[in-house]
Protein backbone atom coordinates (compact mmCIF):
# COMPACT_ATOMS: atom_id res chain seq x y z
CA MET A 1 21.66 2.99 -16.45
CA PRO A 2 24.97 4.91 -16.59
CA ASP A 3 26.07 4.30 -13.03
CA GLU A 4 29.74 3.54 -13.71
CA PRO A 5 32.30 6.38 -13.83
CA GLN A 6 34.12 4.71 -16.72
CA LEU A 7 30.95 4.56 -18.83
CA VAL A 8 30.19 8.22 -18.10
CA ALA A 9 33.74 9.24 -19.01
CA GLU A 10 33.61 7.24 -22.25
CA THR A 11 30.27 8.81 -23.15
CA PHE A 12 31.63 12.32 -22.62
CA ASP A 13 34.77 11.55 -24.62
CA ARG A 14 32.53 10.55 -27.54
CA VAL A 15 30.49 13.74 -27.15
CA LEU A 16 33.68 15.83 -27.22
CA ALA A 17 35.03 14.00 -30.24
CA GLU A 18 31.78 14.45 -32.19
CA ALA A 19 31.60 18.14 -31.29
CA ARG A 20 35.22 18.85 -32.20
CA SER A 21 34.81 17.08 -35.51
CA ARG A 22 32.23 19.80 -36.23
CA GLY A 23 34.50 22.63 -35.12
CA VAL A 24 32.90 23.06 -31.66
CA ARG A 25 35.08 23.13 -28.54
CA ASP A 26 32.75 24.36 -25.78
CA VAL A 27 30.57 21.45 -24.74
CA GLU A 28 28.60 20.43 -21.65
CA ALA A 29 27.00 17.04 -21.07
CA ILE A 30 24.62 15.75 -18.43
CA VAL A 31 24.46 11.97 -18.18
CA SER A 32 21.65 10.70 -15.99
CA GLY A 33 19.94 7.44 -15.25
CA SER A 34 17.34 5.94 -12.99
CA SER A 35 15.99 2.58 -11.97
CA ASN A 36 12.41 2.94 -10.69
CA ALA A 37 10.02 0.37 -9.27
CA LEU A 38 6.47 1.00 -8.10
CA THR A 39 3.74 -1.01 -6.44
CA ARG A 40 0.25 0.49 -6.70
CA PHE A 41 -2.76 -0.60 -4.67
CA ALA A 42 -6.47 0.25 -4.51
CA ASN A 43 -9.61 -1.33 -3.04
CA ASN A 44 -7.41 -3.09 -0.46
CA ALA A 45 -5.44 -5.01 -3.09
CA ILE A 46 -2.29 -4.60 -5.16
CA HIS A 47 -3.23 -4.08 -8.78
CA GLN A 48 0.00 -2.97 -10.43
CA ASN A 49 3.71 -3.58 -10.15
CA VAL A 50 5.99 -1.88 -12.66
CA ALA A 51 9.71 -1.28 -13.07
CA GLU A 52 11.56 1.02 -15.44
CA ARG A 53 15.22 1.58 -16.19
CA THR A 54 16.18 4.72 -18.10
CA ALA A 55 19.25 6.61 -19.26
CA GLN A 56 19.54 10.05 -20.82
CA LEU A 57 22.23 12.20 -22.35
CA SER A 58 21.71 15.97 -22.57
CA VAL A 59 24.27 17.98 -24.55
CA ARG A 60 24.79 21.75 -24.68
CA THR A 61 27.15 23.59 -26.99
CA VAL A 62 28.32 27.21 -26.99
CA ILE A 63 29.21 28.79 -30.34
CA ASP A 64 29.92 32.51 -30.83
CA GLY A 65 27.65 33.72 -28.02
CA ARG A 66 24.92 31.24 -28.86
CA THR A 67 23.84 28.17 -26.90
CA ALA A 68 21.31 25.36 -27.19
CA ARG A 69 20.62 21.93 -25.75
CA ALA A 70 19.45 18.59 -27.17
CA SER A 71 18.78 15.27 -25.44
CA THR A 72 18.57 11.58 -26.26
CA ASN A 73 17.98 8.27 -24.52
CA ARG A 74 20.35 6.51 -26.91
CA LEU A 75 23.85 6.36 -25.48
CA ASP A 76 25.42 4.25 -28.23
CA GLY A 77 27.74 5.70 -30.86
CA ALA A 78 24.95 6.51 -33.32
CA GLY A 79 22.80 8.12 -30.65
CA ILE A 80 25.65 10.33 -29.44
CA ARG A 81 26.54 11.32 -33.01
CA ASP A 82 22.93 12.25 -33.77
CA VAL A 83 22.36 14.34 -30.62
CA VAL A 84 25.61 16.27 -31.10
CA GLU A 85 24.73 16.94 -34.73
CA GLN A 86 21.31 18.20 -33.65
CA VAL A 87 22.55 20.49 -30.88
CA VAL A 88 25.28 22.01 -33.06
CA ALA A 89 22.75 22.76 -35.80
CA ILE A 90 20.27 24.26 -33.31
CA THR A 91 22.97 26.37 -31.64
CA ARG A 92 24.06 27.88 -34.96
CA LEU A 93 20.46 28.84 -35.73
CA THR A 94 19.86 30.38 -32.28
CA ALA A 95 20.07 34.14 -31.76
CA ALA A 96 23.17 35.38 -29.98
CA ASP A 97 22.83 36.27 -26.29
CA ALA A 98 24.99 39.20 -25.17
CA ASP A 99 24.72 38.07 -21.54
CA LEU A 100 25.68 34.44 -22.18
CA LEU A 101 28.61 33.30 -20.04
CA PRO A 102 31.31 30.81 -20.97
CA LEU A 103 30.89 27.33 -19.56
CA ALA A 104 31.54 27.00 -15.83
CA GLU A 105 35.06 26.20 -14.71
CA ARG A 106 36.08 23.49 -12.31
CA VAL A 107 36.06 24.50 -8.64
CA ALA A 108 36.75 22.66 -5.39
CA PHE A 109 33.84 20.43 -4.49
CA GLU A 110 33.00 18.18 -1.56
CA PRO A 111 31.16 15.08 -2.85
CA LEU A 112 27.90 13.92 -1.34
CA ASP A 113 26.47 10.45 -1.79
CA ARG A 114 23.02 9.43 -0.61
CA PHE A 115 23.17 5.86 -1.89
CA ASP A 116 21.73 3.09 0.25
CA GLU A 117 22.19 -0.43 -1.08
CA ARG A 118 19.13 -1.87 0.62
CA THR A 119 16.91 0.84 -0.87
CA ALA A 120 18.42 0.40 -4.35
CA PHE A 121 17.52 -3.27 -4.44
CA VAL A 122 14.15 -3.53 -2.68
CA SER A 123 12.33 -6.45 -4.32
CA PRO A 124 8.71 -6.55 -5.48
CA GLN A 125 8.11 -9.13 -2.74
CA GLU A 126 9.38 -6.75 -0.04
CA ARG A 127 7.20 -3.93 -1.31
CA ALA A 128 4.20 -6.26 -1.53
CA GLU A 129 4.68 -7.43 2.05
CA ALA A 130 4.91 -3.83 3.31
CA VAL A 131 1.79 -2.86 1.34
CA ALA A 132 -0.08 -5.90 2.70
CA GLU A 133 0.70 -4.83 6.28
CA ALA A 134 -0.46 -1.29 5.49
CA ILE A 135 -3.70 -2.53 3.94
CA GLN A 136 -4.37 -4.64 7.04
CA GLN A 137 -4.22 -1.49 9.18
CA VAL A 138 -6.86 0.21 7.03
CA GLU A 139 -9.02 -2.84 6.32
CA GLY A 140 -9.06 -3.69 10.01
CA ALA A 141 -10.69 -0.31 10.63
CA GLY A 142 -13.43 -1.10 8.10
CA GLN A 143 -11.97 1.24 5.49
CA THR A 144 -10.57 0.98 1.96
CA ALA A 145 -6.94 1.70 1.15
CA ALA A 146 -5.32 3.08 -1.99
CA GLY A 147 -1.81 4.35 -2.64
CA ILE A 148 1.69 3.67 -3.91
CA TYR A 149 5.02 2.36 -2.68
CA SER A 150 7.99 3.23 -4.89
CA THR A 151 11.75 2.88 -4.74
CA GLU A 152 14.35 4.50 -6.97
CA LEU A 153 18.05 4.61 -7.67
CA SER A 154 19.20 7.66 -9.64
CA THR A 155 22.55 8.89 -10.91
CA LEU A 156 23.58 12.26 -12.28
CA SER A 157 26.87 13.32 -13.85
CA LEU A 158 27.70 16.77 -15.22
CA LEU A 159 30.84 17.30 -17.31
CA ASN A 160 32.12 20.05 -19.56
CA SER A 161 35.09 20.88 -21.75
CA ARG A 162 36.50 23.29 -19.14
CA GLY A 163 37.20 20.55 -16.63
CA VAL A 164 33.97 20.26 -14.65
CA SER A 165 33.33 16.62 -13.73
CA LEU A 166 30.71 16.06 -11.02
CA SER A 167 28.58 13.07 -10.07
CA TYR A 168 25.84 12.28 -7.60
CA THR A 169 24.01 9.10 -6.65
CA GLU A 170 20.82 8.88 -4.63
CA THR A 171 18.28 6.32 -3.55
CA MET A 172 14.72 7.23 -2.63
CA ALA A 173 11.71 5.40 -1.21
CA ARG A 174 8.19 6.87 -1.15
CA PHE A 175 4.95 5.66 0.38
CA SER A 176 1.55 7.32 0.10
CA ILE A 177 -1.79 6.02 1.35
CA THR A 178 -5.38 7.21 1.46
CA ALA A 179 -7.83 5.48 3.79
CA MET A 180 -11.45 5.90 2.69
CA ALA A 181 -14.59 5.42 4.78
CA ALA A 182 -18.24 6.02 3.92
CA ASP A 183 -18.17 9.78 4.48
CA SER A 184 -14.55 10.55 5.41
CA SER A 185 -10.96 9.90 4.45
CA GLY A 186 -7.46 10.09 5.87
CA TRP A 187 -4.09 10.44 4.17
CA ALA A 188 -0.39 10.07 4.93
CA LYS A 189 2.76 10.25 2.85
CA ALA A 190 6.51 10.13 3.42
CA SER A 191 9.78 9.81 1.55
CA ALA A 192 13.30 8.88 2.63
CA CYS A 193 16.67 8.25 1.01
CA ARG A 194 16.91 5.06 3.07
CA VAL A 195 14.06 2.60 3.13
CA ARG A 196 14.70 1.84 6.80
CA ASP A 197 13.48 5.35 7.56
CA LEU A 198 10.14 4.74 5.81
CA HIS A 199 7.36 3.12 7.86
CA PRO A 200 4.37 2.15 5.66
CA SER A 201 2.41 0.40 8.41
CA GLN A 202 2.69 3.43 10.70
CA LEU A 203 1.61 5.77 7.90
CA ALA A 204 -1.37 3.53 7.17
CA ARG A 205 -2.38 3.60 10.83
CA GLN A 206 -2.23 7.41 10.82
CA ALA A 207 -4.40 7.58 7.69
CA ALA A 208 -6.94 5.15 9.13
CA GLN A 209 -7.12 7.07 12.40
CA LYS A 210 -7.80 10.30 10.53
CA ALA A 211 -10.53 8.69 8.45
CA ALA A 212 -12.18 7.28 11.57
CA ALA A 213 -11.91 10.53 13.54
CA SER A 214 -13.38 12.63 10.72
CA ARG A 215 -16.47 10.49 10.09
CA ALA A 216 -19.88 12.18 10.01
CA PRO A 217 -18.31 15.62 9.44
CA HIS A 218 -20.44 18.60 10.29
CA GLU A 219 -20.38 22.02 8.66
CA LEU A 220 -18.54 24.91 10.28
CA LEU A 221 -19.19 28.47 9.15
CA PRO A 222 -16.44 30.11 7.06
CA GLY A 223 -14.32 32.74 8.77
CA ARG A 224 -10.93 33.37 10.30
CA TYR A 225 -9.77 30.61 12.63
CA THR A 226 -6.74 29.58 14.60
CA VAL A 227 -5.27 26.64 12.68
CA VAL A 228 -2.87 23.84 13.45
CA LEU A 229 -1.24 22.90 10.14
CA GLU A 230 0.46 19.53 10.02
CA PRO A 231 3.86 19.50 8.20
CA ALA A 232 2.41 18.33 4.85
CA ALA A 233 -0.02 21.25 4.86
CA VAL A 234 2.79 23.68 5.72
CA LEU A 235 4.93 22.27 2.92
CA ASP A 236 2.31 22.49 0.19
CA LEU A 237 1.23 26.05 1.06
CA VAL A 238 4.40 27.80 2.22
CA GLY A 239 6.37 25.94 -0.43
CA GLN A 240 4.62 27.99 -3.11
CA MET A 241 6.76 31.06 -2.42
CA PHE A 242 10.33 29.86 -2.84
CA GLY A 243 10.56 30.36 -6.59
CA ASP A 244 10.48 34.08 -5.75
CA PHE A 245 13.78 33.90 -3.80
CA SER A 246 15.51 34.27 -7.14
CA ALA A 247 17.66 37.07 -8.51
CA THR A 248 16.23 36.49 -11.99
CA ALA A 249 12.65 36.66 -10.72
CA ILE A 250 13.42 39.90 -8.90
CA ARG A 251 15.11 41.37 -11.98
CA ASP A 252 12.07 40.42 -14.08
CA GLY A 253 9.69 42.02 -11.56
CA ARG A 254 7.82 38.77 -10.90
CA SER A 255 8.91 38.21 -7.29
CA PHE A 256 7.03 39.30 -4.16
CA LEU A 257 10.46 40.18 -2.75
CA ASN A 258 10.89 43.20 -5.01
CA ASP A 259 11.74 46.12 -2.67
CA ARG A 260 11.53 43.80 0.34
CA ILE A 261 15.08 42.44 0.71
CA ALA A 262 16.53 43.16 4.18
CA LYS A 263 13.07 44.03 5.48
CA LYS A 264 11.11 42.26 8.21
CA LEU A 265 8.34 40.51 6.31
CA PHE A 266 7.39 37.63 8.63
CA GLY A 267 7.21 36.90 12.35
CA ALA A 268 10.39 36.87 14.43
CA ASN A 269 9.97 33.10 14.92
CA ILE A 270 10.39 32.39 11.18
CA THR A 271 13.87 31.40 9.98
CA ILE A 272 14.30 29.63 6.65
CA THR A 273 17.47 28.27 5.07
CA ASP A 274 18.36 26.43 1.90
CA ASN A 275 20.79 23.63 2.72
CA ALA A 276 21.49 20.80 0.29
CA ARG A 277 23.64 19.02 2.88
CA HIS A 278 21.04 18.91 5.64
CA SER A 279 20.69 15.36 6.97
CA LEU A 280 17.00 15.16 5.99
CA GLN A 281 17.43 16.65 2.52
CA SER A 282 17.82 15.03 -0.90
CA GLY A 283 19.04 16.11 -4.31
CA ALA A 284 22.40 16.90 -5.88
CA PRO A 285 24.72 19.32 -4.06
CA PHE A 286 25.52 21.14 -7.33
CA ASP A 287 23.32 23.03 -9.74
CA GLY A 288 22.52 22.72 -13.44
CA GLU A 289 25.85 24.23 -14.49
CA GLY A 290 28.02 22.42 -11.95
CA VAL A 291 28.28 25.18 -9.33
CA PRO A 292 28.30 23.80 -5.74
CA ARG A 293 25.17 24.74 -3.79
CA LYS A 294 25.86 27.18 -0.98
CA ARG A 295 23.87 27.28 2.22
CA LEU A 296 21.59 30.31 2.14
CA THR A 297 19.78 32.05 4.96
CA LEU A 298 16.66 33.10 3.09
CA VAL A 299 14.83 34.47 6.13
CA ASP A 300 16.43 35.27 9.48
CA ARG A 301 13.94 35.85 12.31
CA GLY A 302 11.41 37.26 9.89
CA VAL A 303 13.83 39.37 7.84
CA VAL A 304 14.48 38.46 4.19
CA ARG A 305 18.26 38.08 3.90
CA GLU A 306 19.59 36.07 0.96
CA ILE A 307 18.37 35.02 -2.48
CA ALA A 308 19.60 32.50 -5.03
CA TYR A 309 21.86 33.47 -7.95
CA CYS A 310 22.65 31.48 -11.06
CA ARG A 311 25.91 32.35 -12.82
CA GLN A 312 24.34 34.79 -15.28
CA ALA A 313 22.32 36.65 -12.64
CA ALA A 314 25.37 36.80 -10.38
CA ALA A 315 27.55 38.23 -13.15
CA ALA A 316 24.96 40.93 -13.84
CA GLU A 317 25.20 42.10 -10.21
CA SER A 318 28.93 41.40 -9.73
CA VAL A 319 28.33 38.86 -6.96
CA ALA A 320 29.21 35.20 -6.58
CA PRO A 321 26.74 32.55 -7.82
CA THR A 322 25.11 30.52 -5.08
CA GLY A 323 24.78 27.21 -6.97
CA HIS A 324 21.02 27.29 -7.48
CA GLY A 325 20.83 27.70 -11.26
CA PHE A 326 18.90 25.41 -13.56
CA SER A 327 20.39 23.84 -16.68
CA VAL A 328 21.06 26.43 -19.37
CA PRO A 329 19.23 27.57 -21.45
CA ASN A 330 16.14 28.22 -19.33
CA GLU A 331 13.70 31.06 -18.64
CA ILE A 332 13.57 30.71 -14.85
CA GLY A 333 17.15 31.31 -13.82
CA GLU A 334 17.42 29.84 -10.36
CA ALA A 335 15.56 28.89 -7.18
CA PRO A 336 16.37 27.38 -3.78
CA MET A 337 15.41 23.70 -3.80
CA ASN A 338 16.54 22.41 -0.39
CA ILE A 339 14.27 24.31 1.97
CA VAL A 340 14.62 23.95 5.73
CA ILE A 341 12.17 25.89 7.91
CA ALA A 342 13.46 26.07 11.45
CA GLY A 343 11.08 24.68 14.04
CA GLY A 344 10.43 25.00 17.72
CA GLU A 345 9.81 22.66 20.63
CA THR A 346 5.99 22.58 20.69
CA THR A 347 4.43 19.27 19.73
CA VAL A 348 1.22 19.09 17.72
CA ASP A 349 -0.55 17.74 20.82
CA GLN A 350 0.61 20.77 22.78
CA MET A 351 -0.60 23.06 19.99
CA LEU A 352 -4.01 21.41 20.17
CA ALA A 353 -4.11 21.61 23.97
CA SER A 354 -3.46 25.36 23.86
CA THR A 355 -6.24 26.05 21.32
CA GLY A 356 -9.66 27.02 22.62
CA HIS A 357 -11.40 27.09 19.25
CA GLY A 358 -9.78 26.25 15.94
CA VAL A 359 -9.20 23.89 13.04
CA LEU A 360 -6.67 21.07 12.60
CA VAL A 361 -5.60 20.72 8.94
CA THR A 362 -4.00 17.52 7.70
CA ARG A 363 -3.54 18.42 4.08
CA LEU A 364 -4.13 21.15 1.49
CA TRP A 365 -4.57 20.71 -2.26
CA TYR A 366 -5.51 22.39 -5.54
CA ILE A 367 -3.49 25.44 -4.49
CA ARG A 368 -3.46 28.37 -6.93
CA GLU A 369 -2.02 31.87 -6.73
CA VAL A 370 -4.44 34.82 -6.48
CA ASP A 371 -2.14 37.80 -5.82
CA PRO A 372 1.57 37.39 -6.75
CA TYR A 373 2.88 40.36 -4.76
CA GLU A 374 0.96 39.81 -1.54
CA LYS A 375 1.44 36.07 -2.10
CA ILE A 376 -2.25 35.25 -1.63
CA PHE A 377 -3.23 31.68 -2.47
CA THR A 378 -6.49 29.80 -2.67
CA GLY A 379 -6.99 26.08 -2.23
CA MET A 380 -8.88 23.47 -0.22
CA THR A 381 -8.46 21.19 2.74
CA ARG A 382 -8.92 17.43 2.33
CA ASP A 383 -8.47 13.99 3.88
CA GLY A 384 -8.96 14.98 7.48
CA THR A 385 -10.08 18.44 8.66
CA PHE A 386 -11.02 18.66 12.34
CA LEU A 387 -12.66 21.00 14.84
CA ILE A 388 -10.65 21.86 17.95
CA GLU A 389 -12.62 22.85 21.06
CA ASN A 390 -11.17 23.51 24.50
CA GLY A 391 -7.85 21.93 23.63
CA GLU A 392 -9.22 18.74 22.09
CA VAL A 393 -10.09 17.46 18.63
CA VAL A 394 -13.85 16.90 18.89
CA GLY A 395 -14.67 15.64 15.38
CA GLY A 396 -14.43 16.05 11.65
CA ILE A 397 -15.75 19.03 9.72
CA ARG A 398 -16.58 19.58 6.08
CA ASN A 399 -13.66 20.76 3.99
CA PHE A 400 -12.99 24.45 3.49
CA ARG A 401 -11.76 26.60 0.64
CA PHE A 402 -9.22 29.16 1.86
CA ASN A 403 -7.88 32.48 0.60
CA GLN A 404 -4.70 33.23 2.48
CA SER A 405 -1.66 35.52 2.20
CA LEU A 406 1.59 33.71 3.02
CA ILE A 407 3.04 36.96 4.32
CA GLU A 408 0.15 37.20 6.78
CA LEU A 409 0.29 33.51 7.66
CA LEU A 410 4.00 33.62 8.49
CA SER A 411 3.41 36.75 10.56
CA ASN A 412 0.71 35.03 12.62
CA VAL A 413 2.57 31.86 13.68
CA GLU A 414 2.20 31.23 17.40
CA ALA A 415 4.01 27.90 17.74
CA LEU A 416 6.30 25.58 15.77
CA SER A 417 7.04 21.88 16.19
CA PRO A 418 10.45 20.28 15.59
CA PRO A 419 10.99 20.09 11.81
CA VAL A 420 10.67 16.84 9.86
CA ARG A 421 11.13 15.78 6.26
CA ALA A 422 7.66 16.22 4.78
CA SER A 423 6.01 15.14 1.52
CA GLY A 424 2.97 16.57 -0.20
CA GLU A 425 1.48 16.77 -3.66
CA GLU A 426 1.72 20.47 -4.59
CA THR A 427 5.47 21.10 -4.29
CA PHE A 428 8.78 19.35 -3.66
CA ASP A 429 9.75 17.68 -0.38
CA MET A 430 11.13 19.97 2.34
CA VAL A 431 12.15 19.95 5.98
CA VAL A 432 9.38 21.81 7.81
CA PRO A 433 7.61 21.96 11.19
CA ALA A 434 3.94 21.88 12.01
CA MET A 435 2.58 25.37 12.64
CA LYS A 436 -0.07 26.94 14.84
CA ALA A 437 -1.24 30.29 13.45
CA HIS A 438 -4.15 32.62 14.13
CA SER A 439 -6.55 34.32 11.70
CA PHE A 440 -6.32 31.79 8.86
CA ASN A 441 -8.92 32.80 6.28
CA PHE A 442 -11.44 30.08 5.35
CA THR A 443 -13.79 31.55 2.75
CA GLU A 444 -16.38 28.83 2.05
CA VAL A 445 -17.35 25.26 2.77
CA THR A 446 -16.76 22.80 -0.08
CA ARG A 447 -19.23 20.22 -1.38
CA PHE A 448 -17.36 17.23 0.02
């Protein structure tokens, strides 16, 4: 794994030398590596423990208005020579792009390091002991546990022939568990850059409590209900819209924000930022071309304010790039990737207490877009869906399919909890609150 600055520098020097020997002077290289370990469990027992160490070199060249990229996992002399030869050949065969920009230049940059030594070197024994404690929580409730516990150390360096030289190191720990009973289930998941902030036993207890509370679910008629969405449900549904906060998507006419910038689209209690340096965030503070990520106010009290710009999209509109571009070449352009939805001071318990008749949703899944401009999505609840009556959770209900506009949802929010780092399965991790909203559209009861 290329985690030493000297090794990265030597690798780039070789890339430059190989490129210049072929008459190419404009070169970009991304050197990345990861060390991953995972413990998987099912049926209340660990059944797999794996570890993987990888390294990758991705090289891009620019020749006469043409660009291309090639990658390899061989970082020796022969591997570097081969990948440079490939990318130069591909670039020369690629059609010229009149809008292609020169490589990014070096700019002032404040480093950010999310490395935690304890997380980087968690042993299989430590993971096994944490999993055993989690399983005990579920097994003690007469249920069956399944899930994963993973830890990772990753490094990323981006360098080019115009002086850009950036690096980022991060550790990450993830734990996910499903507790299964005869006719119900519960789920919990979390991630953290520091393993001390991850609490597998507590997550397992939450999953087991949900499975127990949702046993013998009864069927509730479809319709529009007041909902309390836990943070994971907010993340996986609301998270579907952020690819549209993109100058390239708006230019291409594929964003729901076309003709809606600077307009009030959501409720006045909705403020959303993109902030790579937020204390609960993760990911590199620079984009795929080496531009530092700026903090963006995407939505301010319901009004759409800012969008992301890669270098090419910014040049087309004579504005500054925001540092949200993906590695070039790509067809997407850019997107905000460090979402923070501002919260409020209402706890989930308080949301429940103020609800006369509604539904508590733990988790959403199988989410698919129905209407791109009105941002209507369909999907299903799972692993703990509950009926709320007179301020209390009174039992589990059969899962629903929903058909819901995000514009409508974020206009109907009545209360927000303090935001937390949340993990789901349908989109990337974000910092989001729980939400209470009225008129959520459940269209049918599912078969499970």
